[in-house]
Amino acid sequence: MTDRQTRKSRAPNEIPFPVRRRVSKKEREEAKEAGRARYRESTRPPATPLMLSVRQAWQRLNALTGAGVDLSTFYRWINNLSVCSVRMGNKLFVPIAEVDRIAQQCLRGERI
């Protein structure tokens, strides 16, 4: 068999490869910018965090109450489950809503 006989027969007007449309420089730049905008939106962190590290939560509590709660006291509240916390891996996080709740209890003079 010759090489000519092994080839598939094609219709006379059929193009053997896809034809690419020429894209203008302006269209190419617009597509790049649209892709960049989608990437920026997908990687942008939330405007306000929902969780704080223990140290950040403790600093926020001290700022909201104006009192000096010791860091070891704050950790004790977490260990006693007086303060809700979330462990992710080996790090602890405290929800902002929980810090605000504790601050209100402190300002009212209630025990935690």
Protein backbone atom coordinates (compact mmCIF):
# COMPACT_ATOMS: atom_id res chain seq x y z
CA MET A 1 0.00 0.00 0.00
CA THR A 2 1.27 3.39 -0.83
CA ASP A 3 1.12 6.41 1.42
CA ARG A 4 -1.57 7.90 -0.76
CA GLN A 5 -3.88 4.91 -0.25
CA THR A 6 -3.62 4.94 3.59
CA ARG A 7 -4.78 8.54 3.93
CA LYS A 8 -8.40 9.22 4.68
CA SER A 9 -10.33 10.66 1.83
CA ARG A 10 -11.62 14.17 2.44
CA ALA A 11 -14.22 16.21 0.81
CA PRO A 12 -12.64 18.70 -1.60
CA ASN A 13 -13.77 21.76 0.43
CA GLU A 14 -12.90 20.35 3.88
CA ILE A 15 -10.01 22.06 5.67
CA PRO A 16 -7.74 19.59 7.50
CA PHE A 17 -7.06 21.88 10.50
CA PRO A 18 -9.06 24.46 12.45
CA VAL A 19 -8.80 27.97 11.14
CA ARG A 20 -8.06 30.60 13.74
CA ARG A 21 -9.66 33.97 13.46
CA ARG A 22 -7.30 36.91 13.57
CA VAL A 23 -7.72 38.79 16.83
CA SER A 24 -6.92 42.46 16.99
CA LYS A 25 -4.48 43.83 19.54
CA LYS A 26 -7.32 45.72 21.24
CA GLU A 27 -9.41 42.53 21.63
CA ARG A 28 -6.39 40.67 23.00
CA GLU A 29 -5.73 43.40 25.60
CA GLU A 30 -9.40 43.47 26.63
CA ALA A 31 -9.39 39.71 27.12
CA LYS A 32 -6.22 39.91 29.23
CA GLU A 33 -7.67 42.68 31.39
CA ALA A 34 -10.93 40.75 31.88
CA GLY A 35 -8.93 37.71 33.00
CA ARG A 36 -6.90 39.83 35.41
CA ALA A 37 -10.07 41.35 36.87
CA ARG A 38 -11.57 37.88 37.44
CA TYR A 39 -8.35 36.78 39.14
CA ARG A 40 -8.28 39.87 41.40
CA GLU A 41 -11.90 39.29 42.43
CA SER A 42 -11.29 35.62 43.21
CA THR A 43 -8.22 36.26 45.38
CA ARG A 44 -9.44 39.32 47.25
CA PRO A 45 -9.84 38.68 50.99
CA PRO A 46 -13.12 39.69 52.65
CA ALA A 47 -13.37 43.33 53.67
CA THR A 48 -13.59 42.39 57.34
CA PRO A 49 -12.30 39.11 58.72
CA LEU A 50 -14.80 36.83 60.41
CA MET A 51 -12.23 35.21 62.70
CA LEU A 52 -9.30 36.60 64.65
CA SER A 53 -6.28 34.89 66.09
CA VAL A 54 -6.30 34.62 69.88
CA ARG A 55 -3.84 37.50 70.26
CA GLN A 56 -5.86 39.72 67.89
CA ALA A 57 -9.09 38.85 69.71
CA TRP A 58 -7.47 39.63 73.06
CA GLN A 59 -6.20 43.00 71.76
CA ARG A 60 -9.66 43.82 70.38
CA LEU A 61 -11.27 42.90 73.70
CA ASN A 62 -8.89 45.20 75.56
CA ALA A 63 -9.54 48.01 73.08
CA LEU A 64 -13.33 47.64 73.32
CA THR A 65 -13.50 47.41 77.11
CA GLY A 66 -10.66 49.77 77.99
CA ALA A 67 -9.66 47.24 80.65
CA GLY A 68 -6.53 45.17 80.88
CA VAL A 69 -7.58 41.54 80.52
CA ASP A 70 -4.47 39.41 80.81
CA LEU A 71 -3.64 37.14 77.86
CA SER A 72 -3.37 34.12 80.16
CA THR A 73 -6.87 34.91 81.47
CA PHE A 74 -8.17 35.01 77.91
CA TYR A 75 -6.57 31.62 77.17
CA ARG A 76 -8.12 30.25 80.39
CA TRP A 77 -11.56 31.44 79.22
CA ILE A 78 -10.97 29.60 75.93
CA ASN A 79 -9.88 26.40 77.73
CA ASN A 80 -12.90 26.57 80.09
CA LEU A 81 -15.15 26.98 77.02
CA SER A 82 -16.37 30.35 78.28
CA VAL A 83 -15.17 31.77 74.97
CA CYS A 84 -16.08 30.01 71.73
CA SER A 85 -13.06 29.22 69.56
CA VAL A 86 -12.29 27.28 66.41
CA ARG A 87 -9.15 25.22 65.87
CA MET A 88 -7.80 25.05 62.32
CA GLY A 89 -4.72 22.87 62.23
CA ASN A 90 -2.64 23.94 65.19
CA LYS A 91 -4.02 27.50 65.36
CA LEU A 92 -6.94 28.81 67.39
CA PHE A 93 -9.32 31.44 66.06
CA VAL A 94 -12.06 33.39 67.83
CA PRO A 95 -15.10 34.75 65.94
CA ILE A 96 -15.44 38.53 66.00
CA ALA A 97 -19.04 38.20 67.18
CA GLU A 98 -17.78 36.25 70.21
CA VAL A 99 -15.27 38.98 71.07
CA ASP A 100 -18.01 41.61 70.83
CA ARG A 101 -20.28 39.49 73.08
CA ILE A 102 -17.55 39.16 75.71
CA ALA A 103 -16.84 42.89 75.55
CA GLN A 104 -20.52 43.65 76.21
CA GLN A 105 -20.53 41.25 79.17
CA CYS A 106 -17.41 42.92 80.58
CA LEU A 107 -18.91 46.39 80.16
CA ARG A 108 -22.10 45.28 81.96
CA GLY A 109 -20.01 43.89 84.80
CA GLU A 110 -21.10 40.27 84.30
CA ARG A 111 -18.81 37.31 84.96
CA ILE A 112 -17.55 35.39 82.01
